[in-house]
Amino acid sequence: MMLVPPVVLAATKQVYTVDSDRWTSEYDDYFRKYTKRYFGPNFDWRWFKAQGIAESALKPKASSHVGAQGVMQIMPATFEEIKAANPHFTHVEEPRWNIAAGIYYDRMLYKKWSDKVAVTDDRLAFTFGSYNAGLGNILNAWKRAGRVEEPGEQWRKTAPHAPSETRGYVERIRELMGEG
């Protein structure tokens, strides 16, 4: 009998991508619809499904210790701000509106980074980082990194200045997309 050291076992952990049967497809139509609405028809909706997996494992009744709710782990106060601009977003607990609000908020953050980050993959990383840690925290991390301007290098050079939880969050989304 051959024993495998724990280090080797840890290094061989299974990573399930966003396309895996492990994740429900129940909300895919919402991810498609609201990605198309807020990011256009050519944007890969699976980025936001991956975010939903990272946030809650796509569990609509998920609730965090700080009060974030639903698939996209939206804070109720943030949902109310988004709802002011989108009165048809009825309840944060409803998966449809939770996902719509999360993607709407991602679009707001994505636009905030548009004048600083040109490469889409980097801008998505800054968007997801801002969603997780707050725009101000990621803006401060970017400033501490020296306001990196090299296309394709901006997140890589900014990430060490971001909170470790946020670095892990962005990496998790990238892994789910098969890019980790």
C-alpha atoms as a PDB file:
ATOM      1  CA  MET A   1       0.000   0.000   0.000  1.00  0.00           C
ATOM      2  CA  MET A   2       1.337   3.420  -0.961  1.00  0.00           C
ATOM      3  CA  LEU A   3       0.609   6.400   1.247  1.00  0.00           C
ATOM      4  CA  VAL A   4       0.188   9.794  -0.388  1.00  0.00           C
ATOM      5  CA  PRO A   5       1.514  12.724   1.641  1.00  0.00           C
ATOM      6  CA  PRO A   6      -1.173  15.310   2.597  1.00  0.00           C
ATOM      7  CA  VAL A   7       0.698  18.004   0.654  1.00  0.00           C
ATOM      8  CA  VAL A   8       0.206  16.048  -2.571  1.00  0.00           C
ATOM      9  CA  LEU A   9      -3.478  15.507  -1.800  1.00  0.00           C
ATOM     10  CA  ALA A  10      -3.971  19.226  -1.182  1.00  0.00           C
ATOM     11  CA  ALA A  11      -2.256  20.060  -4.463  1.00  0.00           C
ATOM     12  CA  THR A  12      -4.670  17.842  -6.393  1.00  0.00           C
ATOM     13  CA  LYS A  13      -7.928  19.444  -5.212  1.00  0.00           C
ATOM     14  CA  GLN A  14     -10.726  19.307  -7.736  1.00  0.00           C
ATOM     15  CA  VAL A  15     -11.676  22.652  -9.254  1.00  0.00           C
ATOM     16  CA  TYR A  16     -15.156  22.716 -10.720  1.00  0.00           C
ATOM     17  CA  THR A  17     -15.592  25.316 -13.434  1.00  0.00           C
ATOM     18  CA  VAL A  18     -18.720  27.370 -13.931  1.00  0.00           C
ATOM     19  CA  ASP A  19     -19.815  24.865 -16.610  1.00  0.00           C
ATOM     20  CA  SER A  20     -19.711  21.881 -14.245  1.00  0.00           C
ATOM     21  CA  ASP A  21     -22.876  19.919 -13.478  1.00  0.00           C
ATOM     22  CA  ARG A  22     -22.015  20.579  -9.840  1.00  0.00           C
ATOM     23  CA  TRP A  23     -23.684  23.994 -10.157  1.00  0.00           C
ATOM     24  CA  THR A  24     -27.380  24.468 -10.816  1.00  0.00           C
ATOM     25  CA  SER A  25     -28.457  25.911 -14.145  1.00  0.00           C
ATOM     26  CA  GLU A  26     -31.734  27.093 -12.596  1.00  0.00           C
ATOM     27  CA  TYR A  27     -30.694  30.762 -12.738  1.00  0.00           C
ATOM     28  CA  ASP A  28     -28.765  30.742 -16.020  1.00  0.00           C
ATOM     29  CA  ASP A  29     -31.559  32.573 -17.861  1.00  0.00           C
ATOM     30  CA  TYR A  30     -31.345  35.412 -15.329  1.00  0.00           C
ATOM     31  CA  PHE A  31     -27.565  35.587 -15.649  1.00  0.00           C
ATOM     32  CA  ARG A  32     -27.895  35.664 -19.460  1.00  0.00           C
ATOM     33  CA  LYS A  33     -30.691  38.245 -19.495  1.00  0.00           C
ATOM     34  CA  TYR A  34     -29.137  40.738 -17.101  1.00  0.00           C
ATOM     35  CA  THR A  35     -25.638  40.373 -18.511  1.00  0.00           C
ATOM     36  CA  LYS A  36     -27.044  41.181 -21.934  1.00  0.00           C
ATOM     37  CA  ARG A  37     -29.014  44.124 -20.509  1.00  0.00           C
ATOM     38  CA  TYR A  38     -26.145  45.708 -18.571  1.00  0.00           C
ATOM     39  CA  PHE A  39     -23.042  44.544 -20.468  1.00  0.00           C
ATOM     40  CA  GLY A  40     -24.321  43.890 -23.997  1.00  0.00           C
ATOM     41  CA  PRO A  41     -24.978  40.748 -26.047  1.00  0.00           C
ATOM     42  CA  ASN A  42     -21.339  39.763 -26.565  1.00  0.00           C
ATOM     43  CA  PHE A  43     -20.305  39.727 -22.908  1.00  0.00           C
ATOM     44  CA  ASP A  44     -19.815  36.276 -21.362  1.00  0.00           C
ATOM     45  CA  TRP A  45     -22.623  35.900 -18.811  1.00  0.00           C
ATOM     46  CA  ARG A  46     -20.750  33.044 -17.126  1.00  0.00           C
ATOM     47  CA  TRP A  47     -18.494  35.587 -15.380  1.00  0.00           C
ATOM     48  CA  PHE A  48     -21.471  36.625 -13.267  1.00  0.00           C
ATOM     49  CA  LYS A  49     -22.594  33.062 -12.668  1.00  0.00           C
ATOM     50  CA  ALA A  50     -19.040  32.392 -11.447  1.00  0.00           C
ATOM     51  CA  GLN A  51     -19.402  35.399  -9.166  1.00  0.00           C
ATOM     52  CA  GLY A  52     -22.692  33.997  -7.843  1.00  0.00           C
ATOM     53  CA  ILE A  53     -20.947  30.686  -7.161  1.00  0.00           C
ATOM     54  CA  ALA A  54     -18.138  32.487  -5.323  1.00  0.00           C
ATOM     55  CA  GLU A  55     -20.657  34.527  -3.338  1.00  0.00           C
ATOM     56  CA  SER A  56     -23.189  31.876  -2.315  1.00  0.00           C
ATOM     57  CA  ALA A  57     -22.708  28.647  -4.306  1.00  0.00           C
ATOM     58  CA  LEU A  58     -25.878  29.908  -6.088  1.00  0.00           C
ATOM     59  CA  LYS A  59     -27.961  29.478  -2.939  1.00  0.00           C
ATOM     60  CA  PRO A  60     -30.905  31.920  -2.992  1.00  0.00           C
ATOM     61  CA  LYS A  61     -31.419  31.810   0.779  1.00  0.00           C
ATOM     62  CA  ALA A  62     -27.750  32.423   1.609  1.00  0.00           C
ATOM     63  CA  SER A  63     -27.136  35.066   4.251  1.00  0.00           C
ATOM     64  CA  SER A  64     -23.792  36.332   5.514  1.00  0.00           C
ATOM     65  CA  HIS A  65     -22.803  37.331   9.032  1.00  0.00           C
ATOM     66  CA  VAL A  66     -22.912  40.994   7.919  1.00  0.00           C
ATOM     67  CA  GLY A  67     -26.389  40.697   6.400  1.00  0.00           C
ATOM     68  CA  ALA A  68     -25.654  40.212   2.697  1.00  0.00           C
ATOM     69  CA  GLN A  69     -28.401  38.180   1.066  1.00  0.00           C
ATOM     70  CA  GLY A  70     -29.132  35.829  -1.783  1.00  0.00           C
ATOM     71  CA  VAL A  71     -27.266  34.424  -4.742  1.00  0.00           C
ATOM     72  CA  MET A  72     -25.209  37.601  -5.250  1.00  0.00           C
ATOM     73  CA  GLN A  73     -24.920  38.421  -1.524  1.00  0.00           C
ATOM     74  CA  ILE A  74     -26.330  41.932  -1.861  1.00  0.00           C
ATOM     75  CA  MET A  75     -26.509  44.095   1.234  1.00  0.00           C
ATOM     76  CA  PRO A  76     -30.103  45.269   1.806  1.00  0.00           C
ATOM     77  CA  ALA A  77     -29.051  48.950   1.812  1.00  0.00           C
ATOM     78  CA  THR A  78     -27.229  48.491  -1.513  1.00  0.00           C
ATOM     79  CA  PHE A  79     -30.290  46.743  -2.938  1.00  0.00           C
ATOM     80  CA  GLU A  80     -32.485  49.676  -1.879  1.00  0.00           C
ATOM     81  CA  GLU A  81     -30.126  52.129  -3.641  1.00  0.00           C
ATOM     82  CA  ILE A  82     -30.237  50.007  -6.797  1.00  0.00           C
ATOM     83  CA  LYS A  83     -34.012  49.646  -6.492  1.00  0.00           C
ATOM     84  CA  ALA A  84     -34.384  53.442  -6.467  1.00  0.00           C
ATOM     85  CA  ALA A  85     -33.099  53.426 -10.064  1.00  0.00           C
ATOM     86  CA  ASN A  86     -34.919  50.154 -10.877  1.00  0.00           C
ATOM     87  CA  PRO A  87     -38.293  50.178  -9.068  1.00  0.00           C
ATOM     88  CA  HIS A  88     -39.277  46.871 -10.693  1.00  0.00           C
ATOM     89  CA  PHE A  89     -36.552  45.101  -8.647  1.00  0.00           C
ATOM     90  CA  THR A  90     -39.022  44.059  -5.970  1.00  0.00           C
ATOM     91  CA  HIS A  91     -37.287  41.949  -3.297  1.00  0.00           C
ATOM     92  CA  VAL A  92     -33.631  41.205  -2.520  1.00  0.00           C
ATOM     93  CA  GLU A  93     -34.672  37.665  -1.511  1.00  0.00           C
ATOM     94  CA  GLU A  94     -36.012  36.827  -4.981  1.00  0.00           C
ATOM     95  CA  PRO A  95     -33.237  35.210  -7.083  1.00  0.00           C
ATOM     96  CA  ARG A  96     -34.253  37.082 -10.237  1.00  0.00           C
ATOM     97  CA  TRP A  97     -33.964  40.517  -8.648  1.00  0.00           C
ATOM     98  CA  ASN A  98     -30.954  39.591  -6.538  1.00  0.00           C
ATOM     99  CA  ILE A  99     -29.063  38.510  -9.659  1.00  0.00           C
ATOM    100  CA  ALA A 100     -30.295  41.531 -11.640  1.00  0.00           C
ATOM    101  CA  ALA A 101     -29.180  43.878  -8.852  1.00  0.00           C
ATOM    102  CA  GLY A 102     -25.793  42.178  -8.544  1.00  0.00           C
ATOM    103  CA  ILE A 103     -25.093  42.483 -12.265  1.00  0.00           C
ATOM    104  CA  TYR A 104     -26.402  46.061 -12.313  1.00  0.00           C
ATOM    105  CA  TYR A 105     -24.026  46.907  -9.468  1.00  0.00           C
ATOM    106  CA  ASP A 106     -21.176  45.159 -11.311  1.00  0.00           C
ATOM    107  CA  ARG A 107     -21.908  47.398 -14.304  1.00  0.00           C
ATOM    108  CA  MET A 108     -21.719  50.508 -12.130  1.00  0.00           C
ATOM    109  CA  LEU A 109     -18.341  49.372 -10.779  1.00  0.00           C
ATOM    110  CA  TYR A 110     -17.111  48.326 -14.238  1.00  0.00           C
ATOM    111  CA  LYS A 111     -17.862  51.829 -15.533  1.00  0.00           C
ATOM    112  CA  LYS A 112     -16.028  53.396 -12.571  1.00  0.00           C
ATOM    113  CA  TRP A 113     -12.845  51.584 -13.657  1.00  0.00           C
ATOM    114  CA  SER A 114     -13.228  52.303 -17.398  1.00  0.00           C
ATOM    115  CA  ASP A 115     -10.996  55.388 -17.403  1.00  0.00           C
ATOM    116  CA  LYS A 116      -8.240  53.653 -15.405  1.00  0.00           C
ATOM    117  CA  VAL A 117      -8.227  50.047 -16.668  1.00  0.00           C
ATOM    118  CA  ALA A 118      -8.453  49.328 -20.403  1.00  0.00           C
ATOM    119  CA  VAL A 119      -8.089  45.529 -20.612  1.00  0.00           C
ATOM    120  CA  THR A 120     -11.414  43.737 -20.030  1.00  0.00           C
ATOM    121  CA  ASP A 121      -9.984  40.894 -17.900  1.00  0.00           C
ATOM    122  CA  ASP A 122      -8.220  43.382 -15.634  1.00  0.00           C
ATOM    123  CA  ARG A 123     -11.282  45.613 -15.451  1.00  0.00           C
ATOM    124  CA  LEU A 124     -13.386  42.594 -14.442  1.00  0.00           C
ATOM    125  CA  ALA A 125     -10.886  41.778 -11.689  1.00  0.00           C
ATOM    126  CA  PHE A 126     -11.115  45.359 -10.396  1.00  0.00           C
ATOM    127  CA  THR A 127     -14.915  45.165 -10.659  1.00  0.00           C
ATOM    128  CA  PHE A 128     -15.130  41.932  -8.674  1.00  0.00           C
ATOM    129  CA  GLY A 129     -12.562  43.194  -6.189  1.00  0.00           C
ATOM    130  CA  SER A 130     -14.620  46.358  -5.687  1.00  0.00           C
ATOM    131  CA  TYR A 131     -17.817  44.329  -5.309  1.00  0.00           C
ATOM    132  CA  ASN A 132     -16.138  42.300  -2.561  1.00  0.00           C
ATOM    133  CA  ALA A 133     -14.087  44.894  -0.671  1.00  0.00           C
ATOM    134  CA  GLY A 134     -15.706  48.160  -1.699  1.00  0.00           C
ATOM    135  CA  LEU A 135     -14.684  50.553  -4.458  1.00  0.00           C
ATOM    136  CA  GLY A 136     -12.745  52.815  -2.085  1.00  0.00           C
ATOM    137  CA  ASN A 137     -10.625  49.957  -0.750  1.00  0.00           C
ATOM    138  CA  ILE A 138      -9.659  48.760  -4.233  1.00  0.00           C
ATOM    139  CA  LEU A 139      -9.028  52.314  -5.426  1.00  0.00           C
ATOM    140  CA  ASN A 140      -6.680  52.735  -2.448  1.00  0.00           C
ATOM    141  CA  ALA A 141      -4.954  49.431  -3.290  1.00  0.00           C
ATOM    142  CA  TRP A 142      -4.451  50.638  -6.881  1.00  0.00           C
ATOM    143  CA  LYS A 143      -2.980  53.903  -5.569  1.00  0.00           C
ATOM    144  CA  ARG A 144      -0.650  52.030  -3.174  1.00  0.00           C
ATOM    145  CA  ALA A 145       0.478  49.952  -6.161  1.00  0.00           C
ATOM    146  CA  GLY A 146       1.532  53.172  -7.903  1.00  0.00           C
ATOM    147  CA  ARG A 147      -1.542  53.605 -10.122  1.00  0.00           C
ATOM    148  CA  VAL A 148      -0.405  50.816 -12.415  1.00  0.00           C
ATOM    149  CA  GLU A 149      -1.092  51.606 -16.072  1.00  0.00           C
ATOM    150  CA  GLU A 150       0.493  48.630 -17.877  1.00  0.00           C
ATOM    151  CA  PRO A 151      -2.272  46.881 -19.850  1.00  0.00           C
ATOM    152  CA  GLY A 152      -2.780  43.329 -18.654  1.00  0.00           C
ATOM    153  CA  GLU A 153      -0.672  43.890 -15.523  1.00  0.00           C
ATOM    154  CA  GLN A 154      -2.899  46.198 -13.555  1.00  0.00           C
ATOM    155  CA  TRP A 155      -4.710  43.670 -11.367  1.00  0.00           C
ATOM    156  CA  ARG A 156      -1.636  41.460 -10.911  1.00  0.00           C
ATOM    157  CA  LYS A 157       0.345  44.410  -9.565  1.00  0.00           C
ATOM    158  CA  THR A 158      -2.542  45.867  -7.547  1.00  0.00           C
ATOM    159  CA  ALA A 159      -3.751  42.612  -5.960  1.00  0.00           C
ATOM    160  CA  PRO A 160      -0.953  42.393  -3.344  1.00  0.00           C
ATOM    161  CA  HIS A 161      -2.238  45.696  -1.948  1.00  0.00           C
ATOM    162  CA  ALA A 162      -5.853  44.476  -1.730  1.00  0.00           C
ATOM    163  CA  PRO A 163      -7.275  42.540   1.237  1.00  0.00           C
ATOM    164  CA  SER A 164      -6.338  38.843   1.157  1.00  0.00           C
ATOM    165  CA  GLU A 165     -10.014  37.818   1.187  1.00  0.00           C
ATOM    166  CA  THR A 166     -10.555  39.915  -1.929  1.00  0.00           C
ATOM    167  CA  ARG A 167      -7.534  38.452  -3.711  1.00  0.00           C
ATOM    168  CA  GLY A 168      -8.925  34.983  -3.002  1.00  0.00           C
ATOM    169  CA  TYR A 169     -12.377  36.024  -4.183  1.00  0.00           C
ATOM    170  CA  VAL A 170     -11.127  37.322  -7.541  1.00  0.00           C
ATOM    171  CA  GLU A 171      -8.910  34.247  -7.969  1.00  0.00           C
ATOM    172  CA  ARG A 172     -11.874  31.969  -7.184  1.00  0.00           C
ATOM    173  CA  ILE A 173     -13.975  33.609  -9.908  1.00  0.00           C
ATOM    174  CA  ARG A 174     -11.109  33.240 -12.383  1.00  0.00           C
ATOM    175  CA  GLU A 175     -10.680  29.568 -11.419  1.00  0.00           C
ATOM    176  CA  LEU A 176     -14.387  28.987 -11.943  1.00  0.00           C
ATOM    177  CA  MET A 177     -13.966  30.437 -15.434  1.00  0.00           C
ATOM    178  CA  GLY A 178     -11.030  28.097 -16.066  1.00  0.00           C
ATOM    179  CA  GLU A 179      -8.493  30.925 -15.899  1.00  0.00           C
ATOM    180  CA  GLY A 180      -7.011  30.319 -12.458  1.00  0.00           C
END
